N, C-alpha and C. Protein backbone atom coordinates (compact mmCIF):
# COMPACT_ATOMS: atom_id res chain seq x y z
N MET A 1 -19.92 -3.19 12.73
CA MET A 1 -18.80 -2.53 13.30
C MET A 1 -17.75 -2.03 12.31
N LYS A 2 -17.36 -0.95 12.38
CA LYS A 2 -16.48 -0.33 11.54
C LYS A 2 -15.09 -1.07 11.57
N ASN A 3 -14.40 -1.32 10.57
CA ASN A 3 -13.05 -1.70 10.62
C ASN A 3 -12.30 -0.59 9.43
N ASN A 4 -12.09 0.40 10.24
CA ASN A 4 -11.57 1.62 9.55
C ASN A 4 -10.09 1.70 9.78
N LYS A 5 -9.37 0.72 9.94
CA LYS A 5 -7.94 0.77 10.14
C LYS A 5 -7.16 1.02 8.91
N VAL A 6 -6.07 1.68 9.02
CA VAL A 6 -5.22 2.00 7.85
C VAL A 6 -4.18 0.64 7.72
N ILE A 7 -4.33 -0.02 6.55
CA ILE A 7 -3.41 -1.10 6.33
C ILE A 7 -2.60 -1.00 5.05
N LEU A 8 -1.29 -1.16 5.25
CA LEU A 8 -0.36 -1.09 4.21
C LEU A 8 -0.44 -2.54 3.63
N TYR A 9 -0.73 -2.68 2.40
CA TYR A 9 -0.98 -4.00 1.72
C TYR A 9 0.07 -3.87 0.55
N ILE A 10 1.20 -4.65 0.46
CA ILE A 10 2.09 -4.30 -0.56
C ILE A 10 3.13 -5.59 -0.72
N ALA A 11 3.77 -5.45 -1.83
CA ALA A 11 4.68 -6.40 -2.11
C ALA A 11 6.19 -6.08 -2.14
N MET A 12 7.13 -6.64 -1.60
CA MET A 12 8.53 -6.23 -1.60
C MET A 12 9.56 -7.41 -2.01
N SER A 13 10.58 -7.04 -2.84
CA SER A 13 11.56 -8.00 -3.04
C SER A 13 12.30 -8.54 -1.70
N LEU A 14 13.02 -9.46 -1.72
CA LEU A 14 13.89 -9.99 -0.62
C LEU A 14 14.72 -9.03 -0.19
N ASP A 15 15.20 -8.03 -0.89
CA ASP A 15 16.31 -6.98 -0.43
C ASP A 15 15.46 -5.73 -0.21
N GLY A 16 14.15 -5.82 -0.02
CA GLY A 16 13.41 -4.68 0.63
C GLY A 16 12.93 -3.53 -0.33
N TYR A 17 12.86 -3.90 -1.57
CA TYR A 17 12.34 -2.95 -2.66
C TYR A 17 10.98 -3.19 -3.12
N ILE A 18 10.21 -2.09 -3.39
CA ILE A 18 8.71 -2.21 -3.75
C ILE A 18 8.70 -1.89 -5.25
N ALA A 19 9.60 -1.42 -5.89
CA ALA A 19 9.91 -1.08 -7.26
C ALA A 19 11.27 -0.89 -7.80
N LYS A 20 11.39 -0.95 -8.97
CA LYS A 20 12.66 -0.76 -9.51
C LYS A 20 13.06 0.90 -9.58
N PRO A 21 14.23 1.31 -9.80
CA PRO A 21 14.54 2.70 -9.77
C PRO A 21 13.56 3.55 -10.47
N ASP A 22 12.91 3.08 -11.51
CA ASP A 22 12.10 4.08 -12.53
C ASP A 22 10.70 3.93 -11.94
N GLY A 23 10.44 3.11 -10.91
CA GLY A 23 8.97 3.08 -10.35
C GLY A 23 8.43 1.63 -10.95
N SER A 24 8.79 1.09 -11.91
CA SER A 24 8.16 0.02 -12.48
C SER A 24 8.09 -1.24 -11.57
N VAL A 25 6.98 -2.10 -11.59
CA VAL A 25 6.75 -3.31 -10.73
C VAL A 25 6.67 -4.42 -11.69
N GLU A 26 7.01 -4.37 -12.83
CA GLU A 26 6.73 -5.72 -13.73
C GLU A 26 7.42 -6.91 -13.25
N TRP A 27 8.38 -6.82 -12.35
CA TRP A 27 9.22 -7.71 -11.67
C TRP A 27 8.27 -8.64 -10.83
N LEU A 28 7.20 -8.18 -10.59
CA LEU A 28 6.06 -8.97 -9.64
C LEU A 28 5.26 -9.93 -10.48
N PHE A 29 5.30 -9.89 -11.82
CA PHE A 29 4.12 -10.60 -12.66
C PHE A 29 4.55 -11.95 -12.87
N ASP A 30 5.68 -12.54 -12.69
CA ASP A 30 6.03 -13.78 -13.03
C ASP A 30 6.30 -14.55 -11.70
N VAL A 31 5.93 -14.08 -10.61
CA VAL A 31 6.13 -15.08 -9.34
C VAL A 31 4.96 -16.13 -9.20
N GLU A 32 5.40 -17.13 -8.71
CA GLU A 32 4.69 -18.08 -8.52
C GLU A 32 4.07 -18.15 -7.26
N GLY A 33 2.70 -17.81 -7.12
CA GLY A 33 1.98 -17.79 -6.04
C GLY A 33 1.29 -18.96 -5.69
N ASP A 34 -0.01 -18.91 -5.25
CA ASP A 34 -0.70 -20.27 -4.98
C ASP A 34 -1.53 -20.56 -6.03
N GLY A 35 -1.43 -20.11 -7.18
CA GLY A 35 -2.31 -20.47 -8.18
C GLY A 35 -3.44 -19.54 -8.44
N GLY A 36 -3.94 -18.75 -7.53
CA GLY A 36 -5.05 -17.84 -7.51
C GLY A 36 -4.57 -16.41 -7.49
N ASP A 37 -5.35 -15.68 -6.78
CA ASP A 37 -4.80 -14.37 -6.52
C ASP A 37 -4.23 -13.95 -5.40
N ASN A 38 -3.53 -14.97 -4.53
CA ASN A 38 -2.68 -14.80 -3.49
C ASN A 38 -3.32 -14.08 -2.39
N GLY A 39 -4.86 -14.14 -2.20
CA GLY A 39 -5.53 -13.49 -1.20
C GLY A 39 -5.95 -12.19 -1.51
N TYR A 40 -5.55 -11.48 -2.74
CA TYR A 40 -5.82 -10.11 -2.89
C TYR A 40 -7.51 -9.71 -2.97
N GLU A 41 -8.15 -10.61 -3.63
CA GLU A 41 -9.68 -10.35 -3.66
C GLU A 41 -10.34 -10.31 -2.14
N ALA A 42 -9.67 -11.37 -1.30
CA ALA A 42 -10.41 -11.33 0.15
C ALA A 42 -9.90 -10.08 0.76
N PHE A 43 -8.71 -9.59 0.61
CA PHE A 43 -8.27 -8.29 1.19
C PHE A 43 -9.01 -7.30 0.67
N TYR A 44 -9.17 -7.12 -0.83
CA TYR A 44 -9.78 -5.96 -1.28
C TYR A 44 -11.25 -5.89 -0.97
N SER A 45 -11.88 -6.87 -0.57
CA SER A 45 -13.31 -6.94 -0.14
C SER A 45 -13.56 -6.14 1.22
N THR A 46 -12.44 -6.13 2.09
CA THR A 46 -12.44 -5.55 3.09
C THR A 46 -12.13 -3.95 3.25
N ILE A 47 -11.74 -3.51 1.85
CA ILE A 47 -11.18 -2.12 1.87
C ILE A 47 -12.36 -1.23 1.40
N ASP A 48 -12.54 -0.10 2.04
CA ASP A 48 -13.45 1.01 1.65
C ASP A 48 -12.98 2.32 0.83
N THR A 49 -11.63 2.56 1.12
CA THR A 49 -10.94 3.59 0.60
C THR A 49 -9.65 3.40 0.56
N LEU A 50 -8.95 3.98 -0.57
CA LEU A 50 -7.49 3.83 -0.77
C LEU A 50 -6.88 5.15 -0.78
N VAL A 51 -5.50 5.01 -0.40
CA VAL A 51 -4.81 6.23 -0.40
C VAL A 51 -3.34 5.95 -0.94
N MET A 52 -3.01 6.70 -1.90
CA MET A 52 -1.59 6.46 -2.52
C MET A 52 -1.08 7.71 -2.95
N GLY A 53 0.40 7.60 -3.21
CA GLY A 53 1.19 8.91 -3.51
C GLY A 53 0.97 9.05 -5.10
N ARG A 54 1.40 10.05 -5.52
CA ARG A 54 1.26 10.39 -7.15
C ARG A 54 2.05 9.51 -7.87
N SER A 55 3.36 8.95 -7.59
CA SER A 55 4.13 8.04 -8.47
C SER A 55 3.50 6.85 -8.32
N THR A 56 3.01 6.35 -7.37
CA THR A 56 2.25 4.91 -7.40
C THR A 56 0.94 5.08 -8.17
N TYR A 57 0.24 6.12 -8.14
CA TYR A 57 -0.93 6.27 -8.95
C TYR A 57 -0.56 6.37 -10.37
N GLU A 58 0.45 6.98 -10.74
CA GLU A 58 0.93 7.00 -12.24
C GLU A 58 1.36 5.67 -12.50
N GLU A 59 2.07 4.80 -11.76
CA GLU A 59 2.40 3.46 -12.19
C GLU A 59 1.09 2.63 -12.39
N VAL A 60 0.09 2.77 -11.48
CA VAL A 60 -1.18 1.97 -11.54
C VAL A 60 -1.84 2.39 -12.81
N LEU A 61 -1.65 3.41 -13.34
CA LEU A 61 -2.37 3.81 -14.61
C LEU A 61 -1.60 2.92 -15.82
N LYS A 62 -0.41 2.70 -15.75
CA LYS A 62 0.32 2.09 -16.63
C LYS A 62 0.12 0.52 -16.62
N LEU A 63 -0.48 -0.11 -15.57
CA LEU A 63 -0.61 -1.46 -15.46
C LEU A 63 -1.70 -2.12 -16.22
N SER A 64 -2.97 -1.18 -16.56
CA SER A 64 -4.15 -1.75 -17.13
C SER A 64 -4.85 -0.56 -17.84
N ASP A 65 -5.59 -0.97 -18.96
CA ASP A 65 -6.29 0.09 -19.68
C ASP A 65 -7.57 0.49 -18.83
N GLU A 66 -8.03 -0.05 -17.85
CA GLU A 66 -9.16 0.20 -16.96
C GLU A 66 -8.53 0.53 -15.61
N PHE A 67 -8.98 1.65 -15.01
CA PHE A 67 -8.57 1.86 -13.46
C PHE A 67 -9.09 0.75 -12.67
N PRO A 68 -8.12 0.02 -11.99
CA PRO A 68 -8.52 -1.14 -11.04
C PRO A 68 -9.22 -0.77 -9.85
N TYR A 69 -9.45 0.34 -9.51
CA TYR A 69 -10.14 0.53 -8.22
C TYR A 69 -11.42 1.31 -8.30
N LYS A 70 -11.95 1.18 -9.47
CA LYS A 70 -13.29 1.92 -9.71
C LYS A 70 -14.29 1.54 -8.68
N GLY A 71 -15.07 2.41 -8.21
CA GLY A 71 -16.05 2.11 -7.33
C GLY A 71 -15.92 2.38 -5.97
N LYS A 72 -14.58 2.63 -5.75
CA LYS A 72 -13.98 3.00 -4.28
C LYS A 72 -13.45 4.31 -4.16
N PRO A 73 -13.48 5.04 -3.31
CA PRO A 73 -12.76 6.32 -3.22
C PRO A 73 -11.30 6.12 -3.12
N VAL A 74 -10.63 6.94 -4.02
CA VAL A 74 -9.32 6.73 -4.05
C VAL A 74 -8.69 8.25 -3.94
N TYR A 75 -7.86 8.35 -3.15
CA TYR A 75 -7.18 9.71 -2.67
C TYR A 75 -5.69 9.59 -3.18
N VAL A 76 -5.20 10.66 -3.97
CA VAL A 76 -3.87 10.55 -4.28
C VAL A 76 -3.20 11.92 -3.72
N LEU A 77 -2.21 11.56 -2.91
CA LEU A 77 -1.55 12.67 -2.26
C LEU A 77 -0.50 13.24 -3.20
N THR A 78 -0.60 14.46 -3.68
CA THR A 78 0.21 15.24 -4.50
C THR A 78 0.41 16.62 -4.10
N ARG A 79 1.54 17.25 -4.49
CA ARG A 79 1.67 18.71 -4.47
C ARG A 79 1.65 19.22 -5.94
N SER A 80 1.67 18.26 -6.84
CA SER A 80 1.65 18.63 -8.40
C SER A 80 0.12 19.02 -8.91
N GLU A 81 0.06 19.68 -9.82
CA GLU A 81 -1.21 19.83 -10.66
C GLU A 81 -1.41 18.62 -11.33
N MET A 82 -2.64 17.96 -11.29
CA MET A 82 -2.95 16.89 -11.99
C MET A 82 -4.01 17.11 -12.79
N PRO A 83 -4.14 16.27 -14.04
CA PRO A 83 -5.48 16.29 -14.89
C PRO A 83 -6.53 15.55 -14.23
N ALA A 84 -7.76 16.08 -14.36
CA ALA A 84 -8.87 15.49 -13.64
C ALA A 84 -9.05 14.01 -14.10
N ASP A 85 -9.51 13.40 -12.90
CA ASP A 85 -9.73 11.78 -13.22
C ASP A 85 -10.99 11.57 -12.36
N PRO A 86 -12.01 10.97 -13.03
CA PRO A 86 -13.30 10.69 -12.13
C PRO A 86 -12.97 9.73 -11.11
N ASN A 87 -11.97 8.76 -11.31
CA ASN A 87 -11.67 7.70 -10.21
C ASN A 87 -10.95 8.22 -9.15
N ALA A 88 -10.41 9.37 -9.10
CA ALA A 88 -9.40 9.77 -7.97
C ALA A 88 -9.56 11.23 -7.68
N VAL A 89 -9.36 11.38 -6.25
CA VAL A 89 -9.32 12.88 -5.87
C VAL A 89 -7.89 13.00 -5.52
N PHE A 90 -7.38 14.15 -5.98
CA PHE A 90 -6.10 14.59 -5.84
C PHE A 90 -6.02 15.62 -4.77
N THR A 91 -5.16 15.44 -3.67
CA THR A 91 -5.15 16.33 -2.58
C THR A 91 -3.68 16.59 -2.03
N ASP A 92 -3.52 17.79 -1.59
CA ASP A 92 -2.30 17.98 -0.88
C ASP A 92 -2.69 18.18 0.82
N GLU A 93 -3.91 17.79 1.26
CA GLU A 93 -4.14 17.85 2.53
C GLU A 93 -3.15 16.99 3.32
N ALA A 94 -2.95 17.59 4.70
CA ALA A 94 -2.15 17.00 5.50
C ALA A 94 -2.59 15.59 5.81
N ILE A 95 -1.58 14.55 5.82
CA ILE A 95 -2.02 13.15 5.82
C ILE A 95 -2.72 12.88 7.24
N ASP A 96 -2.40 13.52 8.33
CA ASP A 96 -3.15 13.29 9.49
C ASP A 96 -4.57 13.78 9.69
N THR A 97 -4.64 15.01 8.80
CA THR A 97 -6.10 15.35 8.72
C THR A 97 -6.99 14.61 7.90
N LEU A 98 -6.19 14.14 6.71
CA LEU A 98 -6.89 13.29 5.59
C LEU A 98 -7.38 11.97 6.31
N VAL A 99 -6.37 11.44 7.14
CA VAL A 99 -6.63 9.96 7.66
C VAL A 99 -7.69 10.09 8.64
N HIS A 100 -7.61 11.07 9.44
CA HIS A 100 -8.72 11.18 10.55
C HIS A 100 -10.10 11.30 9.91
N ARG A 101 -9.98 12.16 8.83
CA ARG A 101 -11.58 12.26 8.21
C ARG A 101 -11.88 11.12 7.56
N LEU A 102 -11.07 10.23 6.93
CA LEU A 102 -11.45 9.05 6.11
C LEU A 102 -11.79 8.02 7.21
N LYS A 103 -11.16 7.83 8.47
CA LYS A 103 -11.41 7.02 9.52
C LYS A 103 -13.03 7.30 9.92
N GLU A 104 -13.20 8.58 10.04
CA GLU A 104 -14.64 8.82 10.37
C GLU A 104 -15.74 8.64 9.46
N SER A 105 -15.44 8.59 8.16
CA SER A 105 -16.26 8.32 7.06
C SER A 105 -16.26 6.89 6.38
N SER A 106 -15.09 6.20 6.66
CA SER A 106 -15.04 4.66 5.92
C SER A 106 -15.94 3.85 6.70
N GLU A 107 -16.36 2.90 6.04
CA GLU A 107 -17.18 1.80 6.60
C GLU A 107 -16.18 0.56 6.71
N GLY A 108 -15.13 0.60 5.84
CA GLY A 108 -14.15 -0.59 5.82
C GLY A 108 -12.65 0.00 6.09
N ALA A 109 -11.76 -0.79 5.93
CA ALA A 109 -10.42 -0.36 5.96
C ALA A 109 -9.93 0.42 5.00
N ILE A 110 -8.96 1.23 5.27
CA ILE A 110 -8.34 2.16 4.44
C ILE A 110 -7.01 1.66 4.12
N TRP A 111 -6.85 1.47 2.60
CA TRP A 111 -5.58 0.64 2.08
C TRP A 111 -4.61 1.74 1.77
N LEU A 112 -3.43 1.82 2.59
CA LEU A 112 -2.29 2.59 2.02
C LEU A 112 -1.60 1.76 0.92
N VAL A 113 -1.81 2.15 -0.39
CA VAL A 113 -1.26 1.46 -1.30
C VAL A 113 0.35 1.72 -1.59
N GLY A 114 0.82 2.80 -1.25
CA GLY A 114 2.24 3.05 -1.42
C GLY A 114 2.44 4.57 -1.87
N GLY A 115 3.59 4.78 -2.17
CA GLY A 115 4.91 4.25 -2.02
C GLY A 115 5.59 4.66 -0.77
N GLY A 116 7.06 4.40 -1.16
CA GLY A 116 8.02 4.38 0.09
C GLY A 116 7.97 5.63 0.84
N GLN A 117 7.96 6.88 0.19
CA GLN A 117 7.86 7.94 0.90
C GLN A 117 6.62 8.16 1.56
N LEU A 118 5.44 7.77 1.17
CA LEU A 118 4.20 7.85 1.83
C LEU A 118 4.25 6.83 3.07
N VAL A 119 4.76 5.77 2.88
CA VAL A 119 4.87 4.87 3.96
C VAL A 119 5.67 5.45 5.24
N LYS A 120 6.84 6.21 4.87
CA LYS A 120 7.44 6.90 5.80
C LYS A 120 6.74 7.95 6.61
N ALA A 121 6.01 8.67 5.73
CA ALA A 121 5.25 9.65 6.32
C ALA A 121 4.19 9.16 7.34
N PHE A 122 3.43 8.09 6.84
CA PHE A 122 2.37 7.37 7.80
C PHE A 122 3.04 7.01 9.07
N LEU A 123 4.34 6.39 8.89
CA LEU A 123 4.91 5.88 10.22
C LEU A 123 5.35 7.14 10.91
N GLU A 124 5.86 8.28 10.50
CA GLU A 124 6.25 9.42 11.29
C GLU A 124 4.94 9.90 11.97
N LYS A 125 3.66 9.84 11.42
CA LYS A 125 2.60 10.42 11.96
C LYS A 125 1.77 9.47 12.88
N GLU A 126 2.43 8.28 12.83
CA GLU A 126 1.85 7.01 13.51
C GLU A 126 0.44 6.68 13.01
N LEU A 127 0.08 6.70 11.74
CA LEU A 127 -1.14 6.47 11.16
C LEU A 127 -1.31 5.09 10.61
N MET A 128 -0.27 4.17 10.80
CA MET A 128 -0.40 2.74 10.24
C MET A 128 -0.89 2.01 11.25
N ASP A 129 -1.96 1.17 11.05
CA ASP A 129 -2.39 0.28 12.10
C ASP A 129 -1.98 -1.17 11.77
N GLU A 130 -1.77 -1.44 10.56
CA GLU A 130 -1.39 -2.93 10.18
C GLU A 130 -0.71 -2.80 8.80
N MET A 131 0.30 -3.94 8.81
CA MET A 131 0.93 -4.04 7.50
C MET A 131 0.90 -5.60 6.97
N GLN A 132 0.43 -5.63 5.73
CA GLN A 132 0.35 -7.00 5.16
C GLN A 132 1.42 -6.83 3.98
N ILE A 133 2.59 -7.64 4.27
CA ILE A 133 3.68 -7.47 3.34
C ILE A 133 3.90 -8.83 2.59
N ALA A 134 3.85 -8.87 1.27
CA ALA A 134 4.08 -10.21 0.59
C ALA A 134 5.56 -10.02 0.09
N ILE A 135 6.37 -10.98 0.61
CA ILE A 135 7.72 -11.04 0.31
C ILE A 135 7.94 -11.93 -0.99
N ILE A 136 8.61 -11.22 -1.99
CA ILE A 136 8.74 -11.85 -3.36
C ILE A 136 10.14 -12.48 -3.41
N PRO A 137 10.25 -13.53 -3.79
CA PRO A 137 11.72 -14.26 -3.72
C PRO A 137 12.49 -13.94 -4.94
N LYS A 138 12.84 -12.57 -5.09
CA LYS A 138 13.72 -11.88 -6.00
C LYS A 138 14.54 -10.78 -5.32
N LEU A 139 15.83 -10.73 -5.83
CA LEU A 139 16.53 -9.68 -5.47
C LEU A 139 16.72 -8.59 -6.53
N LEU A 140 16.36 -7.36 -6.28
CA LEU A 140 16.36 -6.45 -7.45
C LEU A 140 17.69 -5.62 -7.36
N GLY A 141 18.45 -5.60 -6.29
CA GLY A 141 19.72 -4.89 -6.13
C GLY A 141 19.67 -3.39 -5.98
N GLU A 142 18.48 -2.87 -6.48
CA GLU A 142 18.35 -1.52 -6.25
C GLU A 142 17.00 -1.19 -6.56
N GLY A 143 16.51 0.06 -6.06
CA GLY A 143 15.18 0.36 -6.43
C GLY A 143 14.57 1.39 -5.32
N ILE A 144 13.16 1.30 -5.25
CA ILE A 144 12.57 2.10 -4.34
C ILE A 144 12.24 1.26 -3.05
N PRO A 145 12.92 1.67 -1.93
CA PRO A 145 12.73 0.83 -0.74
C PRO A 145 11.27 1.03 -0.15
N LEU A 146 10.95 -0.23 0.60
CA LEU A 146 9.56 -0.06 1.34
C LEU A 146 9.83 1.05 2.47
N PHE A 147 10.86 0.85 3.12
CA PHE A 147 11.27 1.76 4.22
C PHE A 147 12.33 2.51 3.98
N PRO A 148 12.13 3.67 3.44
CA PRO A 148 13.37 4.60 3.06
C PRO A 148 14.22 5.02 4.28
N GLN A 149 15.49 5.41 4.08
CA GLN A 149 16.36 5.81 5.06
C GLN A 149 15.54 6.93 5.92
N GLY A 150 15.85 6.95 7.15
CA GLY A 150 15.13 7.85 8.06
C GLY A 150 13.78 7.69 8.58
N VAL A 151 13.20 6.39 8.31
CA VAL A 151 11.96 6.08 8.72
C VAL A 151 11.85 6.13 10.19
N THR A 152 10.79 6.54 10.80
CA THR A 152 10.64 6.40 12.15
C THR A 152 10.43 5.22 12.77
N PRO A 153 11.23 4.94 13.69
CA PRO A 153 11.19 3.64 14.39
C PRO A 153 9.73 3.19 14.80
N ALA A 154 9.34 2.14 14.69
CA ALA A 154 7.96 1.60 15.19
C ALA A 154 8.15 0.20 15.55
N THR A 155 7.37 -0.26 16.34
CA THR A 155 7.08 -1.72 16.64
C THR A 155 5.90 -2.28 16.36
N PHE A 156 5.78 -3.53 15.65
CA PHE A 156 4.55 -4.25 15.28
C PHE A 156 4.67 -5.60 15.75
N THR A 157 3.72 -6.27 16.00
CA THR A 157 3.44 -7.63 16.32
C THR A 157 3.03 -8.33 15.12
N MET A 158 3.64 -9.56 15.03
CA MET A 158 3.14 -10.62 13.91
C MET A 158 1.80 -11.26 14.24
N LYS A 159 0.76 -10.94 13.35
CA LYS A 159 -0.58 -11.64 13.51
C LYS A 159 -0.54 -13.15 12.76
N LYS A 160 0.08 -13.06 11.67
CA LYS A 160 -0.18 -14.27 10.71
C LYS A 160 1.04 -14.26 9.74
N VAL A 161 1.38 -15.46 9.46
CA VAL A 161 2.32 -15.70 8.19
C VAL A 161 1.63 -16.95 7.42
N ALA A 162 1.77 -16.64 6.16
CA ALA A 162 1.40 -17.54 5.22
C ALA A 162 2.28 -17.89 3.95
N GLN A 163 2.32 -19.08 3.59
CA GLN A 163 3.15 -19.24 2.53
C GLN A 163 1.98 -19.40 1.21
N LEU A 164 2.26 -18.67 0.19
CA LEU A 164 1.42 -18.50 -1.00
C LEU A 164 2.38 -19.13 -2.14
N GLY A 165 2.41 -20.26 -2.37
CA GLY A 165 3.47 -20.73 -3.40
C GLY A 165 4.85 -20.40 -2.85
N HIS A 166 5.48 -19.51 -3.74
CA HIS A 166 6.88 -19.15 -3.38
C HIS A 166 6.90 -17.70 -2.65
N ILE A 167 5.75 -17.22 -2.30
CA ILE A 167 5.61 -15.94 -1.80
C ILE A 167 5.28 -16.15 -0.36
N VAL A 168 5.83 -15.32 0.67
CA VAL A 168 5.61 -15.44 1.98
C VAL A 168 4.76 -14.19 2.41
N MET A 169 3.52 -14.12 2.91
CA MET A 169 2.86 -13.06 3.31
C MET A 169 2.66 -13.07 4.84
N ILE A 170 3.15 -11.78 5.35
CA ILE A 170 3.33 -11.61 6.79
C ILE A 170 2.53 -10.45 7.10
N ASP A 171 1.57 -10.66 8.05
CA ASP A 171 0.69 -9.62 8.56
C ASP A 171 1.18 -9.22 10.03
N TYR A 172 1.29 -7.87 10.06
CA TYR A 172 1.81 -7.30 11.46
C TYR A 172 0.66 -6.35 11.83
N GLU A 173 0.57 -5.96 13.14
CA GLU A 173 -0.33 -4.96 13.50
C GLU A 173 0.63 -4.10 14.49
N LYS A 174 0.17 -2.81 14.62
CA LYS A 174 1.06 -1.83 15.54
C LYS A 174 0.87 -2.30 16.82
N LYS A 175 1.96 -2.41 17.44
CA LYS A 175 2.03 -2.81 18.93
C LYS A 175 1.40 -1.64 19.83
N SER A 176 0.50 -2.10 20.48
CA SER A 176 -0.08 -1.22 21.58
C SER A 176 0.78 -1.06 22.66
N LEU A 177 0.72 0.15 23.33
CA LEU A 177 1.37 0.54 24.60
C LEU A 177 0.89 0.19 25.90
């Protein structure tokens, strides 16, 4: 059975930021989790396809010498001309058209990697099925918010809460009408 839901899987600070103002996420690396990968590998094993914005893609490239999502289709939404990358498909396709096409072809879940403006767009088009948010016990004071101003109101129900060391992981699903 296909599990082709769109899932936002992301970490945010206590004050609601997913990155510093310059887009950097190094503040995530010294957080005490559960001593392992905090459930990342289990989550990633359910993923068939990834979707992210251009800024998120550029930050991902800074984090490692090797592209971390090799072997899975990665779609980067951008209006900018980008240099070719064998690991990513750059597109300016409308997100509702793209997501519909990916849901038809994906065997697993579709991971909405980020960032905030893309989250806002997915909520506006009602394309997000679940959110798995890791709350990191830090206050950044400023940065890129997970839910930018003007985000479309939506209601989710909580599926699960887990403590992973000092991290709280909350899983939500879109409330059915």
